[in-house]
Amino acid sequence: MDRGETIFVAVWAVGMVLTWPPWFWFSIRSRKVRGEPLIPRPPVGAVFCERKASGRAHDNLLGRASNCLMVAIRGDELWITPNFPFNMIAPYGFMGLEHRIDRRRVRAEALRTPFGRRVALNFTSADGKLRSLDLALRDPDGFLAALKRP
């Protein structure tokens, strides 16, 4: 390793040591302030729960997740949240993929794509904005049935 590579590695290591602890502290603090759990667990009494779902938010270029979302339906709520430790990466909504939605405000339809079946969701978020995202679930029929239950 030459001198330039050594300096680069040293600067990178120092940067990691200095930035990651404050980032995780900020993530933990913001989740606690908002009353969100640090380690998301399936809600008690959920009629549907899948812990390794994938998703893509349409209103955020970075809003993609592969096999790290928990999607659950309990009562009148649809929960979409990243699993730990991915929920610590982006403390303000995981790039458009962290939601608790009144399921009566959700419109869902199954889509066939060359890459498999997906569920397209359209809903109004708590801040009044129309949002849309796609979910890749292992049991899309079970999800749609649970979403339609009274």
Protein backbone atom coordinates (compact mmCIF):
# COMPACT_ATOMS: atom_id res chain seq x y z
CA MET A 1 0.00 0.00 0.00
CA ASP A 2 1.48 3.35 -0.96
CA ARG A 3 1.35 6.52 1.13
CA GLY A 4 -1.73 7.97 -0.66
CA GLU A 5 -3.76 4.79 -0.07
CA THR A 6 -2.71 4.72 3.59
CA ILE A 7 -3.86 8.32 4.08
CA PHE A 8 -7.18 7.57 2.34
CA VAL A 9 -7.84 4.54 4.55
CA ALA A 10 -6.93 6.49 7.67
CA VAL A 11 -9.22 9.42 6.75
CA TRP A 12 -12.05 6.99 5.91
CA ALA A 13 -11.65 5.12 9.24
CA VAL A 14 -11.62 8.35 11.24
CA GLY A 15 -14.67 9.58 9.33
CA MET A 16 -16.56 6.38 10.12
CA VAL A 17 -15.65 6.54 13.80
CA LEU A 18 -16.74 10.18 14.02
CA THR A 19 -19.99 10.00 12.02
CA TRP A 20 -21.68 6.67 12.77
CA PRO A 21 -22.08 6.99 16.56
CA PRO A 22 -23.79 10.41 16.31
CA TRP A 23 -25.95 9.14 13.44
CA PHE A 24 -27.15 6.15 15.46
CA TRP A 25 -27.70 8.35 18.53
CA PHE A 26 -29.75 10.74 16.39
CA SER A 27 -31.77 7.80 14.96
CA ILE A 28 -32.44 6.34 18.39
CA ARG A 29 -33.39 9.73 19.84
CA SER A 30 -35.75 10.62 16.99
CA ARG A 31 -37.51 7.23 17.20
CA LYS A 32 -37.98 7.61 20.96
CA VAL A 33 -39.33 11.16 20.58
CA ARG A 34 -41.89 9.93 18.03
CA GLY A 35 -42.81 6.94 20.23
CA GLU A 36 -41.58 4.34 17.75
CA PRO A 37 -39.88 1.14 18.84
CA LEU A 38 -36.16 0.67 18.21
CA ILE A 39 -36.74 -2.95 17.21
CA PRO A 40 -40.07 -3.31 15.40
CA ARG A 41 -42.06 -6.38 16.38
CA PRO A 42 -45.22 -7.76 14.77
CA PRO A 43 -48.24 -6.17 16.44
CA VAL A 44 -50.23 -8.35 18.83
CA GLY A 45 -53.44 -9.53 17.18
CA ALA A 46 -52.26 -8.92 13.62
CA VAL A 47 -54.41 -10.60 10.96
CA PHE A 48 -51.50 -10.42 8.51
CA CYS A 49 -47.77 -10.04 9.09
CA GLU A 50 -44.81 -10.54 6.82
CA ARG A 51 -41.31 -9.68 8.01
CA LYS A 52 -39.23 -10.01 4.83
CA ALA A 53 -41.14 -7.93 2.31
CA SER A 54 -39.60 -5.66 -0.31
CA GLY A 55 -40.90 -2.28 -1.38
CA ARG A 56 -40.47 0.77 -3.56
CA ALA A 57 -41.80 4.26 -2.87
CA HIS A 58 -42.85 6.16 -5.99
CA ASP A 59 -42.21 9.63 -4.57
CA ASN A 60 -38.60 9.04 -3.48
CA LEU A 61 -35.75 8.00 -5.76
CA LEU A 62 -33.93 6.33 -2.86
CA GLY A 63 -37.05 4.66 -1.49
CA ARG A 64 -36.29 1.00 -2.11
CA ALA A 65 -35.93 -1.92 0.27
CA SER A 66 -35.20 -5.58 -0.41
CA ASN A 67 -36.33 -8.23 2.06
CA CYS A 68 -36.16 -5.90 5.06
CA LEU A 69 -39.70 -4.52 5.53
CA MET A 70 -42.31 -5.66 8.01
CA VAL A 71 -45.84 -5.35 6.63
CA ALA A 72 -48.64 -5.97 9.13
CA ILE A 73 -52.37 -5.41 9.38
CA ARG A 74 -53.92 -5.06 12.82
CA GLY A 75 -57.36 -3.66 13.48
CA ASP A 76 -57.81 -0.62 11.27
CA GLU A 77 -54.09 -0.03 10.72
CA LEU A 78 -51.64 -1.05 8.05
CA TRP A 79 -48.06 -0.94 9.31
CA ILE A 80 -45.09 -0.77 6.97
CA THR A 81 -41.73 -0.41 8.69
CA PRO A 82 -38.14 -1.51 8.09
CA ASN A 83 -36.73 -4.18 10.35
CA PHE A 84 -33.82 -3.50 12.69
CA PRO A 85 -31.06 -2.36 11.91
CA PHE A 86 -32.39 -0.84 8.67
CA ASN A 87 -34.83 1.37 10.60
CA MET A 88 -31.78 3.09 12.13
CA ILE A 89 -30.33 4.15 8.78
CA ALA A 90 -32.87 6.85 7.93
CA PRO A 91 -34.59 8.32 10.98
CA TYR A 92 -37.23 10.26 9.03
CA GLY A 93 -39.37 7.61 7.43
CA PHE A 94 -36.85 5.30 5.75
CA MET A 95 -37.08 7.07 2.44
CA GLY A 96 -40.85 6.87 2.13
CA LEU A 97 -41.22 3.27 3.29
CA GLU A 98 -42.26 3.73 6.92
CA HIS A 99 -45.99 4.23 7.47
CA ARG A 100 -48.88 3.59 9.82
CA ILE A 101 -52.00 4.05 7.74
CA ASP A 102 -55.71 3.78 8.41
CA ARG A 103 -56.45 0.83 6.16
CA ARG A 104 -59.75 2.35 5.03
CA ARG A 105 -57.67 5.02 3.23
CA VAL A 106 -55.69 2.39 1.28
CA ARG A 107 -56.42 1.27 -2.26
CA ALA A 108 -54.55 -1.88 -3.24
CA GLU A 109 -54.36 -3.98 -6.36
CA ALA A 110 -52.30 -6.98 -7.39
CA LEU A 111 -50.00 -6.53 -10.38
CA ARG A 112 -48.17 -9.07 -12.49
CA THR A 113 -44.71 -7.98 -13.58
CA PRO A 114 -41.88 -9.82 -15.32
CA PHE A 115 -40.27 -10.11 -11.87
CA GLY A 116 -43.28 -11.63 -10.11
CA ARG A 117 -46.42 -10.38 -8.40
CA ARG A 118 -46.52 -7.05 -6.64
CA VAL A 119 -49.14 -5.13 -4.73
CA ALA A 120 -49.61 -1.49 -5.70
CA LEU A 121 -50.76 0.70 -2.78
CA ASN A 122 -52.24 4.19 -3.05
CA PHE A 123 -53.15 6.02 0.14
CA THR A 124 -53.40 9.36 1.84
CA SER A 125 -50.75 9.74 4.51
CA ALA A 126 -51.24 11.40 7.90
CA ASP A 127 -49.91 14.67 6.48
CA GLY A 128 -52.61 14.62 3.77
CA LYS A 129 -50.37 13.76 0.83
CA LEU A 130 -51.30 11.16 -1.75
CA ARG A 131 -48.64 8.46 -1.70
CA SER A 132 -48.05 5.33 -3.71
CA LEU A 133 -45.72 2.40 -3.28
CA ASP A 134 -45.26 -1.14 -4.50
CA LEU A 135 -44.78 -4.12 -2.20
CA ALA A 136 -43.33 -7.49 -3.10
CA LEU A 137 -44.87 -9.94 -0.65
CA ARG A 138 -44.57 -13.69 -0.35
CA ASP A 139 -48.35 -13.91 0.22
CA PRO A 140 -49.98 -11.07 -1.76
CA ASP A 141 -53.37 -12.82 -1.78
CA GLY A 142 -53.34 -13.13 2.01
CA PHE A 143 -52.43 -9.46 2.30
CA LEU A 144 -55.24 -8.33 -0.01
CA ALA A 145 -57.75 -10.56 1.81
CA ALA A 146 -56.68 -9.21 5.22
CA LEU A 147 -56.86 -5.64 3.92
CA LYS A 148 -60.47 -6.15 2.78
CA ARG A 149 -61.65 -7.75 6.04
CA PRO A 150 -64.15 -5.69 8.00
